[in-house]
Amino acid sequence: MIYLQLFFAFLQVGLFSVGGGYAAIPLIQSQAVEKYGWLTLSAFTNLVTVAEMTPGPIAVNAATFTGLQIAGIGGAAVATLGCISPSLCLVSALAVLYGKYKKNTAFQNVLQILRPAVVALIFSAGLRILRLVAFDEQTIALQNANYIGILLFAGAFFVLRKWKLNPILVLLMCGALNLLFYAIFGWI
């Protein structure tokens, strides 16, 4: 039963995450955290971090890691298969259609219309993760604010925009700074 749940949960993620991995994050959260309760919100945030750091698509990595945690190697395989099945079918069909109709203006207009929806999904995912970083608990209040997390977020954002540093380097620097704050002040 758990294999079917994993397959169909990540089949939905694979079907409806138009626009790539960041667009899939709210869908994965909806399935793994809210609907099935396989992961806590904190574990989900860690999962997204690991999925971003590992090579490959975020949604597929998240499916694999979730399946592994829930049902071992078999769960990882089933969740991954569920996540990639829609893409395999759709991309194969779209490759044939695109080759046939790539000059068609109506086809190009449909592609243009999808862009704002993708931006909205990515923005929504970013706000959810930012909220979890900025406030340790579910309620947004100044006494719950994680000022170190907010400072690291602002610093990382500034460095990425101003100097266009490698995101992996910025991620490592933030981790090192957080570790330094913890070692000196006992903060996390």
Foldseek 3Di string as FASTA:
>chain_A
DVLVLLLQLLLVLQQPQPPFQLLSLVSCCCRCPPPPNLDDPVVSLVLQVVLVPDPDTSSLSSSLVSLCSPPRNSRSVSNNCSNCVVVVVVVVVVVVVCVVCVVPVVVVVVVVVCVVVNVVSNVVSVVVSLVVQQFVDPDDDPVRGQVLSVVLVVVLVCCCVPVVDDNVVSVVVSVVVQVVCCVVPVGD
